[in-house]
């Protein structure tokens, strides 16, 4: 049985016109490949879960869409269709998706989804540095922050140079905003600070 989430319907409708058919296609493809998939929203964009674990996710931006697999490092990729983890950023594991034609062949996409399901069935999890099996919470940069960074090259350069903990501090601060107005105000402040190379808690750092 398919489990859909009305929040994803709303997300798709609010996306740019070029992105709507892409998101609808990816969504239907995931459901066709995984009958037990469950939709949800995490970090402000659509995710698909299988047996309680994240299977994949999708997102739309002003000029492109992104699609990612949670267990991408474990997927076989003989045709080199998946972006390396360090190259992922806002482009997901399939690069910049600007049209249906820019997507890999449907057969390959279904293959990735099927393999990701098998990995979850086998209990494969993201491993931490110590090698202990653990589903580590991935740092996902919200689309609204990515869009703001894309519009400010200097801020984007500084942000990319931050450590994971430094990036997480900003993301957590933005995600904790109670209202859209507060969040937007924080985004504007964050971009101003990041452009200057400042950390989220720069005011409290020892000089």
Protein backbone atom coordinates (compact mmCIF):
# COMPACT_ATOMS: atom_id res chain seq x y z
CA UNK A 1 0.00 0.00 0.00
CA UNK A 2 1.33 3.45 -0.93
CA UNK A 3 1.57 6.00 1.84
CA UNK A 4 1.42 9.55 0.52
CA UNK A 5 1.88 12.78 2.42
CA UNK A 6 -0.22 15.85 1.50
CA UNK A 7 2.72 18.06 2.46
CA UNK A 8 4.56 16.69 -0.55
CA UNK A 9 1.59 17.55 -2.78
CA UNK A 10 1.85 21.12 -1.50
CA UNK A 11 5.64 21.14 -1.95
CA UNK A 12 5.34 20.09 -5.58
CA UNK A 13 2.60 22.62 -6.39
CA UNK A 14 4.70 25.45 -4.94
CA UNK A 15 7.79 24.46 -6.94
CA UNK A 16 8.89 26.22 -10.13
CA UNK A 17 6.94 25.17 -13.26
CA UNK A 18 9.89 23.30 -14.76
CA UNK A 19 10.30 21.29 -11.54
CA UNK A 20 6.73 20.03 -11.18
CA UNK A 21 6.86 17.27 -13.85
CA UNK A 22 10.28 16.19 -12.58
CA UNK A 23 9.11 15.86 -8.98
CA UNK A 24 5.90 14.11 -10.01
CA UNK A 25 7.87 11.65 -12.13
CA UNK A 26 10.41 10.87 -9.40
CA UNK A 27 7.64 10.48 -6.85
CA UNK A 28 5.68 8.05 -9.01
CA UNK A 29 8.85 6.14 -9.87
CA UNK A 30 9.71 5.61 -6.20
CA UNK A 31 6.20 4.35 -5.47
CA UNK A 32 6.29 2.02 -8.48
CA UNK A 33 9.66 0.58 -7.44
CA UNK A 34 8.83 0.32 -3.73
CA UNK A 35 5.22 -0.56 -2.94
CA UNK A 36 5.84 -0.21 0.80
CA UNK A 37 7.38 3.25 0.60
CA UNK A 38 6.14 5.91 3.00
CA UNK A 39 6.36 9.62 2.29
CA UNK A 40 7.38 12.24 4.82
CA UNK A 41 8.92 15.70 5.07
CA UNK A 42 12.33 16.08 6.70
CA UNK A 43 14.47 19.21 6.75
CA UNK A 44 11.84 21.02 4.67
CA UNK A 45 11.86 18.72 1.64
CA UNK A 46 10.33 15.36 0.58
CA UNK A 47 11.78 12.06 1.80
CA UNK A 48 10.78 8.48 1.10
CA UNK A 49 11.12 5.84 3.82
CA UNK A 50 11.20 2.06 3.64
CA UNK A 51 10.77 -0.04 6.78
CA UNK A 52 11.47 3.00 8.96
CA UNK A 53 14.72 3.96 7.20
CA UNK A 54 15.31 6.74 4.70
CA UNK A 55 15.37 5.34 1.18
CA UNK A 56 15.79 8.50 -0.89
CA UNK A 57 14.79 12.15 -1.11
CA UNK A 58 14.09 14.88 -3.64
CA UNK A 59 14.15 18.66 -3.64
CA UNK A 60 13.50 21.55 -6.00
CA UNK A 61 15.39 24.83 -6.33
CA UNK A 62 15.03 27.87 -8.55
CA UNK A 63 16.81 26.34 -11.53
CA UNK A 64 17.23 22.64 -10.81
CA UNK A 65 15.98 19.65 -8.85
CA UNK A 66 17.96 17.16 -6.78
CA UNK A 67 17.50 13.49 -5.95
CA UNK A 68 19.54 11.61 -3.36
CA UNK A 69 19.93 8.14 -1.84
CA UNK A 70 20.60 7.82 1.88
CA UNK A 71 22.81 4.76 1.37
CA UNK A 72 24.47 6.06 -1.81
CA UNK A 73 28.00 5.13 -0.62
CA UNK A 74 26.90 1.47 -0.60
CA UNK A 75 25.19 1.43 -3.99
CA UNK A 76 26.89 -0.22 -6.95
CA UNK A 77 27.34 2.30 -9.75
CA UNK A 78 29.06 0.68 -12.77
CA UNK A 79 27.88 3.44 -15.11
CA UNK A 80 29.14 6.24 -12.83
CA UNK A 81 25.75 7.92 -12.59
CA UNK A 82 25.99 8.94 -8.93
CA UNK A 83 27.87 12.03 -7.79
CA UNK A 84 30.61 11.42 -5.25
CA UNK A 85 29.64 12.28 -1.67
CA UNK A 86 32.00 15.23 -1.58
CA UNK A 87 30.48 16.64 -4.77
CA UNK A 88 26.87 16.29 -3.69
CA UNK A 89 26.02 19.72 -2.16
CA UNK A 90 22.67 20.99 -3.45
CA UNK A 91 22.77 18.85 -6.58
CA UNK A 92 22.00 15.50 -5.00
CA UNK A 93 23.43 12.22 -6.24
CA UNK A 94 22.11 12.66 -9.80
CA UNK A 95 23.60 16.09 -10.45
CA UNK A 96 21.58 19.11 -11.55
CA UNK A 97 18.21 17.86 -12.79
CA UNK A 98 16.76 20.54 -15.06
CA UNK A 99 14.39 18.41 -17.14
CA UNK A 100 13.12 14.84 -17.42
CA UNK A 101 15.66 14.33 -20.20
CA UNK A 102 18.54 15.08 -17.82
CA UNK A 103 17.62 12.09 -15.64
CA UNK A 104 19.31 8.69 -16.04
CA UNK A 105 17.39 5.92 -17.79
CA UNK A 106 14.35 4.75 -15.80
CA UNK A 107 15.79 1.24 -15.64
CA UNK A 108 18.87 2.54 -13.82
CA UNK A 109 16.81 4.60 -11.38
CA UNK A 110 14.60 1.65 -10.50
CA UNK A 111 17.75 -0.41 -10.08
CA UNK A 112 19.16 2.06 -7.56
CA UNK A 113 15.90 2.09 -5.61
CA UNK A 114 15.69 -1.71 -5.59
CA UNK A 115 19.29 -2.03 -4.41
CA UNK A 116 18.74 0.58 -1.70
CA UNK A 117 15.76 -1.47 -0.48
CA UNK A 118 17.90 -4.62 -0.39
CA UNK A 119 20.53 -2.80 1.66
CA UNK A 120 17.90 -1.73 4.17
CA UNK A 121 16.56 -5.29 4.29
CA UNK A 122 20.08 -6.48 5.11
CA UNK A 123 20.37 -3.96 7.92
CA UNK A 124 23.04 -1.82 6.26
CA UNK A 125 23.50 1.50 8.00
CA UNK A 126 25.76 4.50 7.62
CA UNK A 127 28.89 3.83 9.64
CA UNK A 128 30.64 6.27 11.92
CA UNK A 129 34.37 6.88 11.99
CA UNK A 130 34.89 4.06 14.47
CA UNK A 131 33.28 1.55 12.15
CA UNK A 132 30.31 0.85 14.43
CA UNK A 133 27.11 0.24 12.48
CA UNK A 134 24.92 3.23 13.08
CA UNK A 135 22.43 5.25 11.07
CA UNK A 136 24.14 8.56 11.44
CA UNK A 137 21.99 11.63 11.05
CA UNK A 138 23.07 13.22 7.81
CA UNK A 139 23.51 16.98 7.73
CA UNK A 140 21.05 18.18 5.11
CA UNK A 141 21.16 21.84 4.21
CA UNK A 142 17.59 23.23 3.85
CA UNK A 143 16.69 24.31 0.33
CA UNK A 144 15.92 27.88 1.41
CA UNK A 145 19.47 28.26 2.79
CA UNK A 146 21.01 26.69 -0.31
CA UNK A 147 19.10 29.11 -2.52
CA UNK A 148 20.27 32.07 -0.44
CA UNK A 149 23.87 30.83 -0.64
CA UNK A 150 23.63 30.32 -4.40
CA UNK A 151 22.71 33.99 -4.74
CA UNK A 152 25.76 35.06 -2.73
CA UNK A 153 28.99 33.45 -4.06
CA UNK A 154 31.15 34.88 -1.27
CA UNK A 155 28.88 33.50 1.44
CA UNK A 156 28.69 30.15 -0.37
CA UNK A 157 32.49 29.92 -0.47
CA UNK A 158 32.80 30.61 3.25
CA UNK A 159 29.97 28.22 4.12
CA UNK A 160 31.52 25.38 2.10
CA UNK A 161 34.76 25.94 4.02
CA UNK A 162 33.03 25.58 7.41
CA UNK A 163 33.37 22.32 9.32
CA UNK A 164 30.33 20.05 9.54
CA UNK A 165 29.68 21.27 13.08
CA UNK A 166 29.93 24.88 11.91
CA UNK A 167 27.38 24.27 9.17
CA UNK A 168 25.14 22.34 11.57
CA UNK A 169 25.05 25.28 14.01
CA UNK A 170 23.57 27.52 11.32
CA UNK A 171 21.12 24.87 10.07
CA UNK A 172 19.88 24.12 13.59
CA UNK A 173 19.38 27.82 14.33
CA UNK A 174 17.35 28.32 11.16
CA UNK A 175 15.27 25.17 11.61
CA UNK A 176 14.36 26.16 15.17
CA UNK A 177 12.58 29.30 13.95
CA UNK A 178 8.93 29.19 15.04
CA UNK A 179 7.51 31.22 12.16
CA UNK A 180 8.32 31.80 8.49
CA UNK A 181 8.97 35.48 9.23
CA UNK A 182 11.49 34.63 11.93
CA UNK A 183 13.18 32.09 9.71
CA UNK A 184 13.51 34.53 6.82
CA UNK A 185 14.99 37.13 9.14
CA UNK A 186 17.48 34.58 10.42
CA UNK A 187 18.41 33.56 6.87
CA UNK A 188 19.21 37.18 6.02
CA UNK A 189 21.32 37.52 9.18
CA UNK A 190 23.03 34.20 8.55
CA UNK A 191 24.04 35.17 5.01
CA UNK A 192 25.42 38.47 6.29
CA UNK A 193 27.53 36.70 8.92
CA UNK A 194 28.61 33.85 6.64
CA UNK A 195 29.67 36.32 3.96
CA UNK A 196 32.08 37.75 6.54
CA UNK A 197 33.32 34.27 7.42
CA UNK A 198 31.72 34.34 10.86
CA UNK A 199 30.49 31.27 12.68
CA UNK A 200 26.98 31.12 14.11
CA UNK A 201 28.27 31.86 17.62
CA UNK A 202 31.01 34.33 16.61
CA UNK A 203 29.89 36.82 19.26
CA UNK A 204 30.83 34.37 21.99
CA UNK A 205 34.14 33.19 20.60
CA UNK A 206 37.26 34.16 22.47
CA UNK A 207 39.32 36.69 20.59
